[in-house]
Protein backbone atom coordinates (compact mmCIF):
# COMPACT_ATOMS: atom_id res chain seq x y z
CA MET A 1 -24.29 -68.03 28.41
CA GLU A 2 -27.42 -67.74 25.93
CA ASN A 3 -30.13 -67.23 29.15
CA GLU A 4 -26.97 -64.68 30.67
CA ASN A 5 -27.54 -62.90 26.93
CA ASN A 6 -31.06 -63.09 27.85
CA LYS A 7 -31.43 -61.25 30.95
CA LEU A 8 -28.60 -58.43 29.34
CA PHE A 9 -30.71 -57.28 26.47
CA GLY A 10 -34.26 -57.75 28.65
CA PHE A 11 -33.01 -55.59 31.07
CA LEU A 12 -31.63 -53.11 28.67
CA GLU A 13 -35.21 -52.56 26.95
CA LYS A 14 -37.15 -53.03 30.35
CA PHE A 15 -34.22 -49.96 31.88
CA LEU A 16 -33.22 -48.36 29.03
CA MET A 17 -35.03 -48.62 25.69
CA GLY A 18 -38.58 -48.44 27.39
CA PRO A 19 -37.47 -44.61 29.36
CA LEU A 20 -35.45 -43.17 26.14
CA GLY A 21 -37.92 -45.18 23.21
CA THR A 22 -40.28 -42.52 25.28
CA ILE A 23 -38.15 -39.23 25.63
CA ALA A 24 -37.40 -40.03 21.98
CA GLN A 25 -40.98 -39.80 21.18
CA LEU A 26 -41.72 -37.14 22.93
CA LYS A 27 -43.03 -34.13 19.88
CA VAL A 28 -40.53 -31.75 22.21
CA VAL A 29 -37.48 -34.14 21.73
CA ARG A 30 -38.67 -34.37 17.98
CA GLY A 31 -38.79 -30.72 17.64
CA ILE A 32 -35.35 -30.01 19.27
CA MET A 33 -34.07 -33.54 16.97
CA GLY A 34 -35.73 -31.28 13.44
CA ALA A 35 -33.99 -27.42 14.37
CA GLY A 36 -30.55 -29.18 15.49
CA LEU A 37 -30.88 -31.04 11.83
CA ALA A 38 -31.61 -27.88 10.56
CA THR A 39 -28.68 -26.13 12.00
CA ILE A 40 -26.06 -28.51 10.12
CA PRO A 41 -25.88 -27.04 7.30
CA PHE A 42 -25.26 -23.30 8.07
CA THR A 43 -22.20 -24.10 10.28
CA ILE A 44 -21.00 -26.61 8.15
CA VAL A 45 -20.67 -23.38 5.62
CA GLY A 46 -19.44 -21.24 8.52
CA SER A 47 -16.86 -23.34 8.83
CA MET A 48 -14.98 -23.84 6.06
CA PHE A 49 -14.68 -20.14 6.09
CA LEU A 50 -12.38 -20.19 9.06
CA VAL A 51 -11.03 -23.23 7.48
CA PHE A 52 -9.68 -20.69 5.36
CA ASN A 53 -9.19 -18.64 6.89
CA VAL A 54 -6.59 -20.52 9.79
CA LEU A 55 -4.43 -22.25 6.84
CA PRO A 56 -1.18 -20.21 7.65
CA LEU A 57 -1.34 -21.74 10.64
CA THR A 58 -1.04 -24.88 9.87
CA PHE A 59 1.62 -23.89 6.35
CA PRO A 60 3.46 -21.17 7.68
CA PHE A 61 4.21 -21.13 4.29
CA LEU A 62 1.44 -19.32 3.27
CA GLU A 63 0.91 -16.68 5.35
CA ASN A 64 3.03 -13.72 3.28
CA PHE A 65 0.27 -14.15 0.86
CA PHE A 66 -2.25 -15.19 2.72
CA ASN A 67 -1.57 -10.97 4.57
CA ALA A 68 -0.69 -10.08 1.11
CA THR A 69 -4.20 -11.06 -0.43
CA PHE A 70 -7.03 -12.51 0.92
CA PHE A 71 -5.93 -11.60 4.83
CA ARG A 72 -7.29 -7.91 3.81
CA PHE A 73 -10.91 -9.00 3.02
CA SER A 74 -10.94 -11.22 6.16
CA ASP A 75 -13.56 -9.28 7.80
CA LEU A 76 -15.76 -9.13 4.23
CA TYR A 77 -15.41 -12.88 3.73
CA MET A 78 -15.29 -14.17 7.68
CA LEU A 79 -18.99 -12.67 8.09
CA ALA A 80 -20.63 -16.51 6.94
CA ASN A 81 -18.45 -17.50 10.26
CA VAL A 82 -19.45 -14.70 12.45
CA MET A 83 -22.92 -14.89 11.00
CA THR A 84 -23.86 -18.19 11.78
CA MET A 85 -21.93 -19.32 14.86
CA GLY A 86 -22.57 -15.87 15.87
CA LEU A 87 -26.21 -16.91 15.33
CA LEU A 88 -26.55 -20.15 15.95
CA ALA A 89 -29.11 -19.92 19.19
CA LEU A 90 -31.49 -17.68 16.40
CA PHE A 91 -31.37 -20.69 14.31
CA PHE A 92 -32.09 -23.06 16.86
CA ASN A 93 -34.95 -21.16 18.33
CA ILE A 94 -36.69 -20.14 15.08
CA SER A 95 -35.97 -23.87 13.14
CA LEU A 96 -37.75 -25.60 17.20
CA GLY A 97 -40.05 -22.63 16.41
CA TYR A 98 -40.93 -24.12 13.50
CA GLU A 99 -41.05 -27.48 13.69
CA TYR A 100 -42.43 -28.39 17.24
CA SER A 101 -45.60 -25.82 15.79
CA GLN A 102 -45.51 -28.18 12.58
CA ILE A 103 -45.47 -31.59 14.87
CA ILE A 104 -48.07 -30.52 17.03
CA ALA A 105 -50.40 -29.21 14.18
CA GLU A 106 -50.33 -32.78 11.92
CA GLU A 107 -50.40 -34.58 15.56
CA ASP A 108 -52.76 -32.57 17.46
CA GLU A 109 -54.63 -31.88 14.47
CA LEU A 110 -54.90 -28.08 15.39
CA GLU A 111 -54.80 -25.05 12.99
CA MET A 112 -51.52 -24.14 13.66
CA SER A 113 -48.77 -22.57 11.46
CA GLY A 114 -44.71 -23.37 11.50
CA LEU A 115 -44.18 -20.38 10.21
CA ASN A 116 -46.64 -18.25 13.18
CA GLY A 117 -44.55 -21.01 15.61
CA ALA A 118 -40.91 -19.70 14.42
CA LEU A 119 -41.95 -15.73 14.65
CA LEU A 120 -43.29 -16.27 18.03
CA SER A 121 -40.56 -18.38 19.14
CA MET A 122 -38.47 -15.43 17.66
CA PHE A 123 -40.38 -12.62 19.72
CA ALA A 124 -40.30 -14.68 23.21
CA PHE A 125 -36.54 -14.61 22.22
CA PHE A 126 -35.67 -11.59 21.46
CA MET A 127 -37.26 -10.21 24.50
CA THR A 128 -34.89 -11.62 26.93
CA ILE A 129 -32.10 -10.28 25.54
CA PRO A 130 -31.48 -7.01 26.99
CA GLU A 131 -29.81 -6.81 30.30
CA LEU A 132 -31.80 -5.22 33.10
CA ILE A 133 -30.84 -3.69 36.27
CA PHE A 134 -33.36 -2.78 38.86
CA GLU A 135 -32.42 0.04 41.25
CA GLY A 136 -33.77 2.55 43.50
CA GLY A 137 -37.53 1.02 42.68
CA PHE A 138 -36.40 1.00 38.76
CA ILE A 139 -36.41 -1.03 35.89
CA SER A 140 -33.96 0.13 33.28
CA GLN A 141 -31.01 -1.48 31.11
CA VAL A 142 -27.91 -2.55 31.30
CA THR A 143 -25.28 0.09 29.82
CA GLU A 144 -21.97 -0.49 30.04
CA LEU A 145 -18.54 0.37 28.07
CA THR A 146 -15.22 -0.65 29.20
CA ASP A 147 -12.04 -2.18 27.28
CA ASP A 148 -13.72 -5.84 28.54
CA THR A 149 -17.55 -5.11 27.94
CA THR A 150 -20.01 -3.27 25.36
CA ILE A 151 -23.34 -2.69 26.27
CA VAL A 152 -24.82 -0.58 24.72
CA SER A 153 -29.04 -0.21 25.72
CA GLY A 154 -29.17 -3.79 27.54
CA ILE A 155 -27.44 -5.50 24.32
CA ARG A 156 -24.00 -7.13 24.95
CA ILE A 157 -22.16 -7.52 22.32
CA GLY A 158 -19.08 -9.83 21.70
CA GLY A 159 -17.38 -12.16 19.02
CA GLY A 160 -18.80 -9.11 16.22
CA SER A 161 -22.09 -9.85 17.15
CA ILE A 162 -24.58 -9.80 19.71
CA GLU A 163 -22.95 -11.57 22.73
CA ARG A 164 -26.36 -13.85 23.39
CA LEU A 165 -27.26 -14.65 19.92
CA GLY A 166 -24.95 -16.56 20.15
CA THR A 167 -23.72 -20.09 21.92
CA THR A 168 -24.78 -18.73 25.24
CA GLY A 169 -27.88 -18.28 24.20
CA ILE A 170 -29.01 -21.61 22.24
CA PHE A 171 -30.49 -23.75 25.74
CA THR A 172 -32.19 -20.12 26.53
CA GLY A 173 -33.25 -19.35 22.60
CA ILE A 174 -34.56 -23.35 23.23
CA ILE A 175 -36.63 -22.71 26.31
CA MET A 176 -38.11 -19.72 24.59
CA ALA A 177 -39.18 -21.27 21.74
CA ILE A 178 -40.92 -24.08 23.49
CA ILE A 179 -42.13 -21.32 25.79
CA ALA A 180 -44.16 -19.76 22.67
CA VAL A 181 -45.20 -22.43 20.85
CA ASN A 182 -47.34 -24.07 24.18
CA LEU A 183 -48.81 -20.78 24.19
CA TYR A 184 -49.15 -20.96 20.90
CA LYS A 185 -51.04 -24.19 21.14
CA LEU A 186 -53.39 -23.02 24.19
CA CYS A 187 -54.20 -19.64 22.17
CA VAL A 188 -55.87 -22.29 19.12
CA ALA A 189 -56.43 -25.08 21.18
CA LYS A 190 -59.58 -22.48 23.38
CA ASN A 191 -60.22 -21.13 19.89
CA TRP A 192 -58.49 -17.38 21.98
CA ILE A 193 -57.83 -16.47 17.85
CA ILE A 194 -59.01 -14.19 15.67
CA LYS A 195 -60.43 -15.05 12.35
CA LEU A 196 -61.17 -13.91 9.07
CA PRO A 197 -63.60 -14.88 6.48
CA GLU A 198 -62.64 -17.67 4.43
CA GLU A 199 -62.06 -14.70 0.88
CA VAL A 200 -59.26 -13.51 2.56
CA PRO A 201 -55.84 -14.53 1.90
CA ALA A 202 -53.80 -17.28 4.01
CA GLY A 203 -50.95 -14.49 4.81
CA VAL A 204 -53.38 -12.53 6.14
CA SER A 205 -56.25 -14.12 8.22
CA ARG A 206 -52.41 -16.52 9.72
CA ALA A 207 -51.14 -12.76 10.07
CA PHE A 208 -54.27 -11.91 12.34
CA THR A 209 -54.64 -15.69 13.94
CA ALA A 210 -50.68 -14.56 15.56
CA LEU A 211 -52.02 -11.49 17.30
CA ILE A 212 -53.82 -12.86 20.60
CA PRO A 213 -51.00 -15.25 21.47
CA ALA A 214 -48.16 -12.51 20.17
CA PHE A 215 -50.25 -10.78 22.92
CA LEU A 216 -50.18 -13.39 25.33
CA VAL A 217 -46.69 -14.03 24.67
CA ALA A 218 -45.72 -10.42 25.05
CA PHE A 219 -47.29 -10.44 28.93
CA VAL A 220 -46.16 -13.48 29.76
CA VAL A 221 -42.38 -12.73 28.72
CA ILE A 222 -42.22 -9.47 30.59
CA LEU A 223 -44.03 -10.92 33.66
CA MET A 224 -41.00 -13.39 34.37
CA ASN A 225 -38.70 -10.88 32.49
CA GLY A 226 -39.64 -8.98 35.66
CA ILE A 227 -39.31 -11.44 38.18
CA LEU A 228 -36.56 -12.82 37.60
CA VAL A 229 -34.82 -8.95 37.63
CA VAL A 230 -36.24 -7.71 41.18
CA LEU A 231 -34.99 -10.88 42.22
CA ASN A 232 -31.16 -9.82 40.79
CA THR A 233 -30.45 -12.29 37.45
CA ASP A 234 -32.47 -13.19 34.50
CA ILE A 235 -33.52 -16.22 32.32
CA PHE A 236 -30.64 -16.72 31.18
CA GLN A 237 -28.65 -16.67 34.58
CA LEU A 238 -31.07 -19.18 35.03
CA ILE A 239 -31.47 -21.45 32.56
CA GLN A 240 -26.95 -21.56 33.08
CA ILE A 241 -27.23 -23.62 36.27
CA PRO A 242 -28.24 -26.58 34.92
CA PHE A 243 -27.66 -26.86 31.60
CA GLY A 244 -24.24 -25.51 33.06
CA PHE A 245 -23.94 -28.44 34.86
CA VAL A 246 -25.16 -30.84 32.19
CA THR A 247 -22.56 -29.43 29.57
CA ASP A 248 -19.81 -29.59 31.80
CA LEU A 249 -20.39 -33.30 32.51
CA THR A 250 -20.34 -34.09 28.97
CA ASN A 251 -17.42 -32.83 28.56
CA THR A 252 -15.64 -35.19 30.85
CA TRP A 253 -13.94 -38.39 30.16
CA LEU A 254 -16.49 -40.86 31.83
CA GLY A 255 -19.24 -38.46 30.57
CA VAL A 256 -18.38 -39.23 26.98
CA MET A 257 -17.97 -42.58 28.13
CA VAL A 258 -21.69 -42.53 29.22
CA ILE A 259 -22.71 -41.11 26.36
CA TYR A 260 -21.57 -43.58 23.81
CA PHE A 261 -22.50 -46.37 26.02
CA LEU A 262 -26.16 -45.31 25.74
CA VAL A 263 -26.01 -45.31 22.03
CA HIS A 264 -24.86 -48.60 22.06
CA ALA A 265 -27.27 -50.17 24.42
CA LEU A 266 -30.08 -48.52 22.45
CA TRP A 267 -28.62 -49.82 19.04
CA LEU A 268 -28.20 -53.27 20.75
CA VAL A 269 -31.90 -53.68 21.24
CA GLY A 270 -33.10 -52.28 18.21
CA ILE A 271 -32.94 -48.05 18.71
CA HIS A 272 -31.34 -45.59 16.20
CA GLY A 273 -29.33 -44.43 19.72
CA ALA A 274 -26.90 -42.27 18.01
CA ASN A 275 -29.90 -39.86 16.49
CA ILE A 276 -31.45 -39.81 19.56
CA ILE A 277 -28.01 -39.29 21.99
CA PHE A 278 -26.36 -37.47 19.61
CA ALA A 279 -29.09 -35.19 18.26
CA LEU A 280 -30.09 -34.32 22.27
CA ILE A 281 -26.38 -33.16 22.20
CA THR A 282 -26.61 -31.28 19.03
CA PRO A 283 -26.60 -27.70 20.89
CA ILE A 284 -23.67 -28.47 24.00
CA THR A 285 -21.08 -30.12 20.41
CA LEU A 286 -21.89 -26.94 19.11
CA SER A 287 -21.46 -24.42 21.51
CA ASN A 288 -18.28 -26.05 22.24
CA LEU A 289 -16.92 -25.53 18.71
CA ALA A 290 -16.98 -22.01 19.04
CA ALA A 291 -15.70 -21.84 22.10
CA ASN A 292 -12.96 -24.00 20.55
CA ALA A 293 -12.48 -21.34 17.59
CA ALA A 294 -12.14 -19.03 19.60
CA GLY A 295 -9.50 -20.88 22.09
CA ALA A 296 -10.52 -23.45 24.58
CA ASN A 297 -9.59 -26.94 24.12
CA ILE A 298 -12.77 -29.55 25.08
CA PRO A 299 -12.70 -32.52 23.30
CA LEU A 300 -16.50 -32.94 22.37
CA ALA A 301 -16.82 -30.51 20.11
CA GLY A 302 -18.12 -30.80 16.18
CA GLU A 303 -17.95 -34.58 14.51
CA PHE A 304 -16.00 -35.40 17.51
CA ASN A 305 -17.86 -38.95 16.66
CA ASN A 306 -17.78 -39.74 12.75
CA ALA A 307 -14.01 -37.82 13.03
CA PHE A 308 -12.68 -40.10 15.65
CA VAL A 309 -15.47 -43.00 16.96
CA THR A 310 -17.51 -44.38 15.08
CA VAL A 311 -15.94 -44.50 11.66
CA GLY A 312 -17.88 -46.51 9.78
CA GLY A 313 -20.64 -46.36 11.49
CA SER A 314 -21.78 -46.95 14.95
CA GLY A 315 -20.07 -49.47 16.49
CA ALA A 316 -16.19 -48.27 14.86
CA THR A 317 -16.80 -50.72 12.16
CA LEU A 318 -14.84 -49.71 9.69
CA LEU A 319 -11.71 -52.50 9.39
CA LEU A 320 -14.88 -55.00 10.92
CA THR A 321 -16.04 -54.74 7.71
CA VAL A 322 -13.09 -54.75 5.44
CA PHE A 323 -11.91 -57.87 7.14
CA ILE A 324 -15.72 -59.85 6.44
CA ALA A 325 -15.66 -58.88 3.42
CA PHE A 326 -12.21 -60.59 2.36
CA LEU A 327 -10.86 -62.74 5.35
CA ALA A 328 -14.12 -64.56 6.57
CA LYS A 329 -14.47 -67.94 6.19
CA SER A 330 -18.58 -67.94 5.95
CA GLU A 331 -19.90 -66.90 3.10
CA GLN A 332 -22.52 -64.51 5.15
CA LEU A 333 -20.37 -62.31 6.49
CA LYS A 334 -18.73 -61.63 2.94
CA ALA A 335 -21.99 -61.30 1.22
CA ILE A 336 -22.84 -58.62 4.25
CA GLY A 337 -19.49 -57.02 4.28
CA LYS A 338 -19.21 -56.54 0.39
CA ALA A 339 -22.75 -54.95 0.19
CA ALA A 340 -21.74 -52.74 3.62
CA LEU A 341 -17.74 -51.94 2.32
CA ILE A 342 -19.01 -48.92 0.32
CA PRO A 343 -21.21 -46.99 2.85
CA SER A 344 -18.90 -47.98 5.81
CA LEU A 345 -16.19 -45.79 3.85
CA PHE A 346 -18.86 -42.73 4.83
CA ASN A 347 -19.16 -43.96 8.42
CA ILE A 348 -22.91 -45.48 7.71
CA ASN A 349 -23.36 -49.41 8.35
CA GLU A 350 -27.41 -49.48 8.68
CA PRO A 351 -26.51 -53.46 5.82
CA LEU A 352 -24.25 -54.32 9.05
CA VAL A 353 -26.60 -53.88 12.29
CA PHE A 354 -29.82 -55.16 10.78
CA GLY A 355 -27.98 -57.68 8.48
CA LEU A 356 -24.36 -59.54 10.42
CA PRO A 357 -26.86 -58.02 12.33
CA LEU A 358 -24.81 -55.98 15.45
CA ILE A 359 -28.64 -55.86 17.68
CA TYR A 360 -29.24 -58.77 19.45
CA ASN A 361 -26.15 -59.97 18.69
CA PRO A 362 -24.71 -61.89 21.63
CA TYR A 363 -21.34 -62.92 19.93
CA LEU A 364 -20.64 -59.02 18.87
CA ALA A 365 -22.47 -57.48 22.23
CA ILE A 366 -19.18 -56.84 23.92
CA PRO A 367 -17.21 -54.84 21.08
CA PHE A 368 -20.49 -53.10 19.73
CA PHE A 369 -20.27 -51.36 23.66
CA LEU A 370 -16.16 -51.61 24.03
CA ALA A 371 -15.37 -50.42 20.63
CA PRO A 372 -16.20 -46.93 20.25
CA MET A 373 -15.67 -46.33 23.69
CA VAL A 374 -12.03 -47.29 23.54
CA SER A 375 -11.44 -45.17 20.40
CA ALA A 376 -13.85 -41.96 21.71
CA SER A 377 -11.00 -42.26 24.81
CA ILE A 378 -7.63 -42.55 22.34
CA ALA A 379 -9.58 -39.02 20.61
CA TYR A 380 -10.59 -37.51 24.10
CA PHE A 381 -6.89 -38.02 25.16
CA SER A 382 -5.15 -36.78 22.57
CA ILE A 383 -7.21 -33.80 22.64
CA SER A 384 -7.13 -32.78 26.52
CA LEU A 385 -3.38 -33.46 26.65
CA GLY A 386 -2.60 -31.20 23.57
CA LEU A 387 -1.25 -33.76 21.55
CA ILE A 388 -4.13 -32.62 18.86
CA ASN A 389 -5.82 -29.31 18.00
CA PRO A 390 -9.50 -29.29 19.43
CA LEU A 391 -12.14 -29.53 16.36
CA ILE A 392 -13.25 -25.82 15.17
CA ALA A 393 -14.91 -26.51 11.99
CA LEU A 394 -18.08 -28.58 11.49
CA LEU A 395 -17.82 -31.37 8.69
CA PRO A 396 -19.95 -33.75 7.41
CA TRP A 397 -20.38 -36.46 9.42
CA PRO A 398 -20.03 -39.42 6.09
CA SER A 399 -16.57 -37.51 5.82
CA PRO A 400 -14.06 -40.54 5.12
CA VAL A 401 -11.39 -41.79 8.19
CA GLY A 402 -9.20 -39.07 8.39
CA VAL A 403 -10.45 -35.86 6.24
CA GLY A 404 -13.18 -35.09 9.39
CA ALA A 405 -10.70 -35.07 11.33
CA TYR A 406 -7.76 -33.23 9.72
CA ILE A 407 -9.89 -30.47 8.72
CA GLY A 408 -12.71 -30.10 11.85
CA THR A 409 -8.91 -29.41 13.92
CA GLY A 410 -7.82 -27.20 10.91
CA GLY A 411 -5.76 -28.84 9.44
CA ASP A 412 -3.59 -31.11 11.93
CA TRP A 413 -2.31 -33.74 10.57
CA ARG A 414 -1.89 -35.97 13.78
CA ALA A 415 -5.73 -35.45 13.32
CA ILE A 416 -4.92 -38.01 11.06
CA ILE A 417 -3.15 -40.68 12.87
CA VAL A 418 -5.59 -40.11 16.19
CA ALA A 419 -8.33 -41.31 13.87
CA LEU A 420 -6.75 -44.54 12.08
CA ILE A 421 -5.30 -45.85 15.97
CA GLY A 422 -8.75 -45.01 16.96
CA VAL A 423 -9.89 -47.31 14.13
CA VAL A 424 -7.37 -49.48 15.00
CA SER A 425 -8.24 -50.20 18.65
CA ALA A 426 -11.47 -51.73 17.63
CA PHE A 427 -11.20 -53.47 15.03
CA VAL A 428 -8.53 -55.24 17.63
CA ILE A 429 -11.02 -55.52 19.85
CA TYR A 430 -13.39 -57.09 16.78
CA TYR A 431 -11.06 -59.27 16.47
CA PRO A 432 -11.69 -62.22 18.65
CA PHE A 433 -15.54 -61.88 18.19
CA ILE A 434 -16.14 -62.12 14.94
CA LYS A 435 -13.53 -64.76 14.44
CA ALA A 436 -16.04 -66.58 17.03
CA TYR A 437 -18.80 -65.58 15.22
CA ASP A 438 -16.97 -67.18 11.53
CA LYS A 439 -16.50 -70.01 13.14
CA GLU A 440 -19.79 -70.56 14.39
CA LEU A 441 -22.11 -69.33 11.04
CA VAL A 442 -19.04 -71.75 9.46
CA ARG A 443 -19.99 -74.60 11.31
CA GLN A 444 -23.75 -73.65 10.70
CA GLU A 445 -23.51 -73.11 6.51
CA SER A 446 -21.36 -76.70 7.23
CA GLY A 447 -24.28 -78.22 9.27
CA ALA A 448 -26.84 -76.76 6.47
CA ALA A 449 -24.68 -77.80 2.95
CA ALA A 450 -24.71 -81.01 4.73
CA GLU A 451 -28.93 -81.44 5.16
CA THR A 452 -29.32 -80.30 1.85
CA GLU A 453 -27.58 -82.98 0.32
CA ALA A 454 -28.66 -85.59 2.00
CA ASP A 455 -31.59 -84.30 1.56
CA THR A 456 -31.39 -84.14 -2.21
CA ALA A 457 -29.06 -87.41 -2.75
CA PRO A 458 -30.20 -90.10 -5.02
CA ALA A 459 -32.13 -92.94 -3.25
CA THR A 460 -30.35 -96.25 -3.39
CA ALA A 461 -31.75 -100.48 -3.99
């Protein structure tokens, strides 16, 4: 048995930890992770205003009161929502340009400015926003005004803002930031920059340092736009093909299962799987969140993970923590459980991951995989079948069980029940395994106590 488990961990280390660990260390991937984290405060703030605006849907008795008061100013305060969810692509683009430039500057020892990287990324992204058309040998900006479409000078308006700056443009924003920062890096590495004397203020010097990179970015993006327009497409439509496929795949039940398998397979061999996998799919979950707010019904959106799946922390360990804290017979488990109890209420379980431990533990490997996959399945089908509302608002991930589910779904009390069913189901899976592990630890502790007693017993004549 032990030999088989060692083979399993060896397989995961070789074929999963190695490749994904390498991917996670790529500068661009770390930049995307940082950009995703940077957008969270804004999306949470925007989501709160949306939740406030849908309260009468949850509590109908408030409808007349809201119509007479708050809804009279809805267009004013909902700007906080429109200008966060409606500008997500811009947030990602600027944040990635800054983070990626800073990482390259520090690790490649190049004189690159995070601010310049952010501005060049935004410049490149904005140049892809207008919709162009090639007709009669001319390239011109599209203008179309109908009941369903508003495009003025190539700018498509939708949802109260420029449509391509919202969730539909997230992946284009990411790609353009990567292109712009790498062109900036090329200029700095080849010394294709204007250097001013040291006496010149840093702000002025930094501005001139970006001059030649800005010309290069403009030339490359114009050339790219021109080629694509002549081919009757653009970067948005081109990127939609591969990224649309990935998005569709992750929004299936099988895709969700693969995500949770990867997260926990990485954890088992000591890598923070949640940080890696969920950082990479954050653009998708935020895009889905905005789609749900507009009327879609996509399960994997916003904080689906912490609201319904890994309640208590990775592995869905909330009731497992309660059990070992108060009902385990092993002194070791009791001590770990009591230390982990308060953090687990806020979905933090590193004390269990490294103290129980959950990593490299053959006794708990199977439930560590299965529990979150089961709780994810319960939530997935509850949303997809319309039993509960989809997530429309982003809550901080440490929200206690039920809180994130309730507020995130716009106040659907049934979401609390689904979250609790997921928590109980996860523990049912853990129960026989933790009992066996508890029994083994008690045996070891009894043996160690007997040895200690024998060593300290007085010698008899």
